[in-house]
C-alpha cells in the first residue's frame, strides 16, 4: 500500500481513538476496504449506536446526484448542457425574473447569477435552520414547493463567468427540469436512474415522518448546551439541492460509478468533471468539487446541514475512495482534514 495511504489510515485510527465522533467512515482502494469506522449514536435518547449500514442525510452532497441525473438525460439525448432554461420550464415553474440567457450549464456550475432562497455562503450552513421559522419545513416535499421562496427575486448578476456564486435555488430548477423532461417526480427519477442503476440500494429520499430502519437522527446543539433533533431545521424531504439519505458504502459505489460509465458515457463524464468554475482554492464541475493535489486530482461531493454532514471523494491517481457521514453539521470536518493532510502533505 502507498506510504501516504498508510499514514492517512494511521492518522484516522489515532483520531477516532480519542474523539467522540458520531457517524461512519470508509476508506477503500481497488475494491478493498482499508479502513472503516462507526461510532456515536444514530439515536442519542435511546443510545442506538451508529453502524456501517446506518443511513444519514447527505445535505448538499445530493447536488452530485442531481447533476448526475441531468448528465444522464444529456447522454440520452433528451437535452443539452447549453439548453436554455426558459425553453425547458413553463412560466409557472421558473422565476419570473429568470434571464433568458440562463442555461443548464449555468445552473450546474453555480454561475447562473439567479438569487438564492438561502444565502449559504454569507450566513453559513448552520443558519439554514432559521429559514424554517417562517416557512413550515413540513410543507416542503417536492421541488416546486421551494419556488415561491425565490420566484420573484431579482438576479444577482448576469449569467456566465468562471466564479462560483453558490446557489441552492439553481439546483431546485434542475430538479424541475428533470421532472419536465422525464415526466416523473424528481425523487423517483433519481432513485431509479442513479441509486438503482448504481447499486445504491440503501439510498433514497426519506421523509422525516416516515418510519424506516437504520436511519440516523440528525442533531443540532452540543454536549455542553444540550442536543435537539433537526426535525424542524431542514425540509421534511430532501430535494434537488440537498437532503437525500445514503450510507458510506453506497457513496463509494457512486464515486466509482461516475467514471465507470454506469450512468453515462465517457464524453459526458469528461464534461461533468471539467473544472468549469472556481471558488477560492477549489474548482467546480457539474455537481462536483475538485482540487489538484500533490497526489493528483480529487473529485467528489460534500455537504453540511443542521444535523448532518457528508463527504464522498475519490483520489483518481491513487484509486482511493473516502466516504464520511455524520449526524451533526460539522462531524466530518476534522477527520477529512486529518486524512487530507496525511495524503497530500
Protein backbone atom coordinates (compact mmCIF):
# COMPACT_ATOMS: atom_id res chain seq x y z
CA UNK A 1 0.00 0.00 0.00
CA UNK A 2 1.15 3.55 -0.74
CA UNK A 3 3.02 5.17 2.20
CA UNK A 4 0.75 8.21 2.14
CA UNK A 5 -2.32 6.00 2.39
CA UNK A 6 -0.68 4.15 5.29
CA UNK A 7 -0.14 7.50 7.03
CA UNK A 8 -3.72 8.53 6.34
CA UNK A 9 -5.20 5.35 7.78
CA UNK A 10 -2.94 5.57 10.85
CA UNK A 11 -3.95 9.22 11.36
CA UNK A 12 -7.63 8.30 11.24
CA UNK A 13 -7.12 5.43 13.68
CA UNK A 14 -5.44 7.82 16.10
CA UNK A 15 -8.17 10.45 15.70
CA UNK A 16 -11.04 8.04 16.32
CA UNK A 17 -9.30 6.52 19.33
CA UNK A 18 -9.61 9.84 21.13
CA UNK A 19 -12.66 11.55 19.59
CA UNK A 20 -16.39 11.43 20.23
CA UNK A 21 -17.18 11.12 16.54
CA UNK A 22 -20.78 10.28 15.66
CA UNK A 23 -21.03 8.76 12.21
CA UNK A 24 -19.40 6.34 9.79
CA UNK A 25 -16.23 6.39 7.69
CA UNK A 26 -14.88 4.15 4.95
CA UNK A 27 -11.57 4.31 3.08
CA UNK A 28 -11.06 1.85 0.23
CA UNK A 29 -8.81 1.15 -2.74
CA UNK A 30 -9.10 -1.36 -5.58
CA UNK A 31 -12.34 -2.71 -4.07
CA UNK A 32 -10.52 -3.43 -0.80
CA UNK A 33 -11.69 -1.75 2.40
CA UNK A 34 -8.61 -0.28 4.06
CA UNK A 35 -10.38 1.34 6.99
CA UNK A 36 -13.91 1.54 8.31
CA UNK A 37 -15.29 3.02 11.47
CA UNK A 38 -18.67 3.57 13.08
CA UNK A 39 -19.23 5.27 16.43
CA UNK A 40 -21.62 7.52 18.25
CA UNK A 41 -25.39 7.24 18.25
CA UNK A 42 -27.98 7.16 15.49
CA UNK A 43 -30.48 7.87 18.27
CA UNK A 44 -28.98 9.63 21.27
CA UNK A 45 -32.04 9.33 23.52
CA UNK A 46 -32.18 5.53 23.29
CA UNK A 47 -28.42 5.10 22.75
CA UNK A 48 -28.85 3.27 19.45
CA UNK A 49 -25.32 3.02 18.01
CA UNK A 50 -24.33 4.02 14.51
CA UNK A 51 -23.37 1.07 12.32
CA UNK A 52 -21.74 0.84 8.91
CA UNK A 53 -25.21 0.30 7.41
CA UNK A 54 -26.68 3.40 9.08
CA UNK A 55 -28.20 5.89 6.64
CA UNK A 56 -27.51 9.60 7.09
CA UNK A 57 -28.68 12.76 5.40
CA UNK A 58 -26.18 13.85 2.75
CA UNK A 59 -27.02 17.59 2.75
CA UNK A 60 -25.60 19.31 -0.35
CA UNK A 61 -23.75 16.20 -1.49
CA UNK A 62 -27.17 15.48 -3.04
CA UNK A 63 -26.29 18.05 -5.70
CA UNK A 64 -23.88 15.46 -7.13
CA UNK A 65 -26.83 13.07 -7.60
CA UNK A 66 -28.89 15.80 -9.25
CA UNK A 67 -26.06 16.72 -11.60
CA UNK A 68 -25.54 13.06 -12.49
CA UNK A 69 -29.26 12.80 -13.32
CA UNK A 70 -29.01 15.80 -15.68
CA UNK A 71 -25.90 14.29 -17.27
CA UNK A 72 -27.80 11.03 -17.78
CA UNK A 73 -30.58 12.91 -19.61
CA UNK A 74 -27.99 14.68 -21.76
CA UNK A 75 -26.36 11.37 -22.58
CA UNK A 76 -29.76 10.01 -23.60
CA UNK A 77 -30.28 12.93 -25.99
CA UNK A 78 -33.18 14.49 -24.09
CA UNK A 79 -31.42 17.85 -23.64
CA UNK A 80 -28.02 19.57 -23.93
CA UNK A 81 -25.94 21.43 -21.37
CA UNK A 82 -26.44 24.59 -23.44
CA UNK A 83 -30.24 24.30 -23.43
CA UNK A 84 -31.97 27.45 -22.23
CA UNK A 85 -33.95 27.02 -19.05
CA UNK A 86 -36.82 29.18 -20.37
CA UNK A 87 -37.23 26.63 -23.18
CA UNK A 88 -37.44 23.75 -20.70
CA UNK A 89 -39.66 25.12 -17.92
CA UNK A 90 -43.06 26.80 -18.32
CA UNK A 91 -43.52 30.22 -16.68
CA UNK A 92 -45.29 28.66 -13.69
CA UNK A 93 -42.21 26.56 -12.87
CA UNK A 94 -39.45 29.14 -13.15
CA UNK A 95 -38.63 32.52 -11.57
CA UNK A 96 -40.44 35.45 -13.14
CA UNK A 97 -37.09 37.26 -13.17
CA UNK A 98 -35.12 34.48 -14.88
CA UNK A 99 -32.76 35.73 -17.58
CA UNK A 100 -33.45 34.21 -20.99
CA UNK A 101 -29.70 33.52 -21.25
CA UNK A 102 -29.51 31.07 -18.32
CA UNK A 103 -28.60 27.54 -19.44
CA UNK A 104 -28.35 24.18 -17.70
CA UNK A 105 -24.59 24.68 -17.67
CA UNK A 106 -25.03 27.85 -15.63
CA UNK A 107 -27.29 26.10 -13.10
CA UNK A 108 -24.95 23.12 -12.78
CA UNK A 109 -21.89 25.30 -12.14
CA UNK A 110 -23.45 27.96 -9.86
CA UNK A 111 -22.78 30.64 -12.49
CA UNK A 112 -26.41 31.47 -13.35
CA UNK A 113 -26.50 34.66 -11.28
CA UNK A 114 -30.03 33.94 -10.05
CA UNK A 115 -30.93 34.81 -6.49
CA UNK A 116 -30.85 32.00 -3.96
CA UNK A 117 -33.58 31.21 -1.46
CA UNK A 118 -30.90 30.91 1.24
CA UNK A 119 -27.53 32.70 1.21
CA UNK A 120 -25.36 29.82 2.43
CA UNK A 121 -22.02 31.44 1.64
CA UNK A 122 -22.68 34.59 3.69
CA UNK A 123 -24.76 33.11 6.50
CA UNK A 124 -23.24 29.64 6.86
CA UNK A 125 -25.00 26.29 6.70
CA UNK A 126 -26.00 26.40 10.38
CA UNK A 127 -28.25 29.40 9.68
CA UNK A 128 -30.37 27.24 7.36
CA UNK A 129 -32.41 26.33 10.42
CA UNK A 130 -33.63 29.92 10.72
CA UNK A 131 -35.36 29.82 7.33
CA UNK A 132 -37.93 27.31 8.58
CA UNK A 133 -39.10 29.53 11.41
CA UNK A 134 -41.15 31.48 8.86
CA UNK A 135 -41.74 28.67 6.36
CA UNK A 136 -43.04 25.43 7.90
CA UNK A 137 -40.49 22.79 6.95
CA UNK A 138 -43.11 20.04 6.81
CA UNK A 139 -44.69 21.65 3.73
CA UNK A 140 -41.58 21.26 1.56
CA UNK A 141 -41.89 17.84 -0.04
CA UNK A 142 -41.14 18.43 -3.75
CA UNK A 143 -39.05 20.86 -5.84
CA UNK A 144 -41.99 23.10 -6.78
CA UNK A 145 -42.63 23.81 -3.09
CA UNK A 146 -39.38 25.81 -2.97
CA UNK A 147 -40.15 28.03 -5.97
CA UNK A 148 -42.19 30.68 -4.04
CA UNK A 149 -39.10 31.37 -1.92
CA UNK A 150 -37.20 32.88 -4.86
CA UNK A 151 -39.53 33.16 -7.89
CA UNK A 152 -39.76 36.97 -7.78
CA UNK A 153 -36.24 37.76 -6.56
CA UNK A 154 -34.12 39.85 -8.94
CA UNK A 155 -30.94 38.26 -10.30
CA UNK A 156 -27.69 38.97 -8.51
CA UNK A 157 -25.74 39.28 -11.76
CA UNK A 158 -25.77 38.26 -15.40
CA UNK A 159 -25.19 34.57 -16.12
CA UNK A 160 -21.75 33.32 -17.10
CA UNK A 161 -18.17 33.68 -15.97
CA UNK A 162 -15.99 31.28 -14.03
CA UNK A 163 -16.68 32.43 -10.48
CA UNK A 164 -18.94 30.27 -8.32
CA UNK A 165 -21.91 32.09 -6.77
CA UNK A 166 -23.19 29.15 -4.75
CA UNK A 167 -26.90 28.76 -5.42
CA UNK A 168 -29.24 26.17 -3.96
CA UNK A 169 -32.11 27.63 -5.98
CA UNK A 170 -30.31 26.75 -9.20
CA UNK A 171 -30.43 23.08 -8.24
CA UNK A 172 -34.12 23.37 -7.40
CA UNK A 173 -34.62 24.47 -11.01
CA UNK A 174 -32.55 21.49 -12.20
CA UNK A 175 -34.92 19.22 -10.29
CA UNK A 176 -37.89 20.87 -12.01
CA UNK A 177 -36.17 20.37 -15.38
CA UNK A 178 -35.71 16.67 -14.60
CA UNK A 179 -39.41 16.40 -13.84
CA UNK A 180 -40.40 18.18 -17.06
CA UNK A 181 -38.13 16.09 -19.26
CA UNK A 182 -38.85 12.73 -17.65
CA UNK A 183 -42.49 13.11 -16.69
CA UNK A 184 -41.63 11.63 -13.30
CA UNK A 185 -41.21 13.12 -9.81
CA UNK A 186 -37.64 14.24 -9.18
CA UNK A 187 -37.04 11.84 -6.29
CA UNK A 188 -38.41 8.89 -8.26
CA UNK A 189 -36.17 9.66 -11.24
CA UNK A 190 -33.01 9.91 -9.12
CA UNK A 191 -33.86 6.84 -7.06
CA UNK A 192 -34.29 4.75 -10.21
CA UNK A 193 -31.79 6.28 -12.67
CA UNK A 194 -28.97 6.92 -10.18
CA UNK A 195 -29.45 4.93 -6.99
CA UNK A 196 -30.84 1.75 -8.52
CA UNK A 197 -28.62 1.96 -11.61
CA UNK A 198 -25.59 2.42 -9.35
CA UNK A 199 -26.47 -0.42 -6.99
CA UNK A 200 -27.11 2.05 -4.16
CA UNK A 201 -29.84 0.00 -2.53
CA UNK A 202 -29.74 1.79 0.84
CA UNK A 203 -30.13 5.33 -0.55
CA UNK A 204 -33.28 7.37 -1.05
CA UNK A 205 -35.28 10.48 -0.28
CA UNK A 206 -36.75 9.61 3.11
CA UNK A 207 -39.27 11.87 4.80
CA UNK A 208 -38.67 12.64 8.46
CA UNK A 209 -42.17 11.45 9.36
CA UNK A 210 -41.56 8.02 7.80
CA UNK A 211 -40.60 5.01 9.92
CA UNK A 212 -37.52 3.34 8.40
CA UNK A 213 -34.78 1.10 9.67
CA UNK A 214 -31.17 2.15 10.09
CA UNK A 215 -31.79 5.88 9.64
CA UNK A 216 -29.81 8.26 11.85
CA UNK A 217 -31.48 11.20 13.54
CA UNK A 218 -29.72 14.49 12.90
CA UNK A 219 -28.77 16.64 15.87
CA UNK A 220 -28.12 20.33 16.48
CA UNK A 221 -26.62 21.78 19.64
CA UNK A 222 -23.70 20.37 21.62
CA UNK A 223 -22.73 18.23 24.60
CA UNK A 224 -22.45 21.37 26.73
CA UNK A 225 -25.65 23.12 25.67
CA UNK A 226 -27.78 20.03 25.08
CA UNK A 227 -28.96 18.31 21.92
CA UNK A 228 -32.06 18.89 19.81
CA UNK A 229 -33.17 16.86 16.81
CA UNK A 230 -33.09 18.60 13.44
CA UNK A 231 -36.73 17.77 12.67
CA UNK A 232 -37.65 21.44 12.30
CA UNK A 233 -34.27 22.61 10.99
CA UNK A 234 -34.36 21.21 7.43
CA UNK A 235 -37.13 20.36 4.92
CA UNK A 236 -39.12 17.25 5.74
CA UNK A 237 -37.98 15.61 2.48
CA UNK A 238 -34.73 16.20 0.68
CA UNK A 239 -34.77 17.91 -2.69
CA UNK A 240 -32.51 18.53 -5.69
CA UNK A 241 -30.21 20.81 -3.68
CA UNK A 242 -29.78 18.58 -0.64
CA UNK A 243 -31.13 16.01 1.77
CA UNK A 244 -31.05 12.54 0.22
CA UNK A 245 -30.08 9.74 2.60
CA UNK A 246 -27.26 7.29 1.97
CA UNK A 247 -24.58 5.10 3.53
CA UNK A 248 -20.80 5.33 3.20
CA UNK A 249 -20.84 2.12 1.16
CA UNK A 250 -23.44 3.48 -1.27
CA UNK A 251 -21.46 6.71 -1.63
CA UNK A 252 -18.41 4.69 -2.61
CA UNK A 253 -20.47 2.91 -5.26
CA UNK A 254 -21.50 6.33 -6.58
CA UNK A 255 -17.99 7.79 -6.92
CA UNK A 256 -16.85 4.59 -8.61
CA UNK A 257 -19.83 4.55 -10.99
CA UNK A 258 -19.26 8.07 -12.32
CA UNK A 259 -16.06 7.34 -14.30
CA UNK A 260 -17.02 3.72 -14.98
CA UNK A 261 -19.78 4.54 -17.46
CA UNK A 262 -22.63 3.26 -15.28
CA UNK A 263 -24.73 6.42 -15.68
CA UNK A 264 -23.42 7.89 -18.95
CA UNK A 265 -20.61 7.64 -21.45
CA UNK A 266 -17.04 8.94 -21.35
CA UNK A 267 -17.81 12.10 -23.32
CA UNK A 268 -20.44 13.22 -20.82
CA UNK A 269 -18.22 12.27 -17.88
CA UNK A 270 -15.39 14.37 -19.33
CA UNK A 271 -17.68 17.40 -19.35
CA UNK A 272 -19.06 16.72 -15.87
CA UNK A 273 -15.61 16.54 -14.25
CA UNK A 274 -14.11 19.52 -16.10
CA UNK A 275 -13.22 22.49 -13.83
CA UNK A 276 -15.84 24.92 -15.12
CA UNK A 277 -15.85 27.42 -12.22
CA UNK A 278 -13.76 28.35 -9.20
CA UNK A 279 -14.23 29.19 -5.53
CA UNK A 280 -11.08 30.02 -3.58
CA UNK A 281 -8.73 27.02 -3.90
CA UNK A 282 -11.23 24.55 -5.40
CA UNK A 283 -12.85 24.08 -8.78
CA UNK A 284 -16.42 23.11 -9.55
CA UNK A 285 -17.60 20.84 -12.33
CA UNK A 286 -21.18 19.68 -12.61
CA UNK A 287 -22.19 18.94 -9.03
CA UNK A 288 -18.61 18.05 -8.13
CA UNK A 289 -15.90 19.78 -6.13
CA UNK A 290 -12.37 19.19 -7.45
CA UNK A 291 -8.87 20.01 -6.31
CA UNK A 292 -5.47 19.40 -7.82
CA UNK A 293 -3.26 17.94 -5.10
CA UNK A 294 0.36 16.72 -5.00
CA UNK A 295 -1.14 13.24 -5.45
CA UNK A 296 -3.25 14.21 -8.47
CA UNK A 297 -6.84 15.33 -8.88
CA UNK A 298 -9.56 14.51 -6.40
CA UNK A 299 -13.27 14.88 -7.13
CA UNK A 300 -16.46 14.37 -5.20
CA UNK A 301 -19.28 15.91 -3.24
CA UNK A 302 -19.67 17.41 0.22
CA UNK A 303 -22.46 18.81 2.30
CA UNK A 304 -23.43 20.25 5.67
CA UNK A 305 -26.93 20.80 7.05
CA UNK A 306 -28.16 21.37 10.59
CA UNK A 307 -27.89 17.80 11.83
CA UNK A 308 -25.89 16.13 9.05
CA UNK A 309 -22.54 16.28 7.27
CA UNK A 310 -21.24 14.24 4.34
CA UNK A 311 -18.09 13.73 2.25
CA UNK A 312 -17.51 11.41 -0.72
CA UNK A 313 -14.26 11.90 -2.62
CA UNK A 314 -12.10 9.90 -4.98
CA UNK A 315 -8.36 10.34 -5.43
CA UNK A 316 -8.22 9.12 -9.02
CA UNK A 317 -4.45 8.59 -9.34
CA UNK A 318 -4.35 6.71 -6.03
CA UNK A 319 -7.51 4.74 -6.84
CA UNK A 320 -8.62 5.74 -3.34
CA UNK A 321 -12.16 6.44 -2.16
CA UNK A 322 -13.01 8.31 1.04
CA UNK A 323 -16.60 8.47 2.28
CA UNK A 324 -17.74 10.00 5.58
CA UNK A 325 -21.16 10.64 7.10
CA UNK A 326 -22.11 12.15 10.45
CA UNK A 327 -25.20 13.31 12.30
CA UNK A 328 -24.09 16.78 13.31
CA UNK A 329 -23.35 19.65 10.97
CA UNK A 330 -19.54 19.55 11.28
CA UNK A 331 -18.92 15.92 12.23
CA UNK A 332 -16.82 15.04 9.15
CA UNK A 333 -14.74 18.25 9.01
CA UNK A 334 -11.86 17.23 11.26
CA UNK A 335 -11.35 13.61 10.11
CA UNK A 336 -11.38 14.79 6.48
CA UNK A 337 -8.82 17.50 7.27
CA UNK A 338 -6.58 14.95 9.02
CA UNK A 339 -6.77 12.48 6.15
CA UNK A 340 -6.04 15.14 3.54
CA UNK A 341 -3.01 16.35 5.46
CA UNK A 342 -1.61 12.83 5.55
CA UNK A 343 -2.35 12.08 1.89
CA UNK A 344 -1.31 15.40 0.41
CA UNK A 345 1.36 16.68 2.78
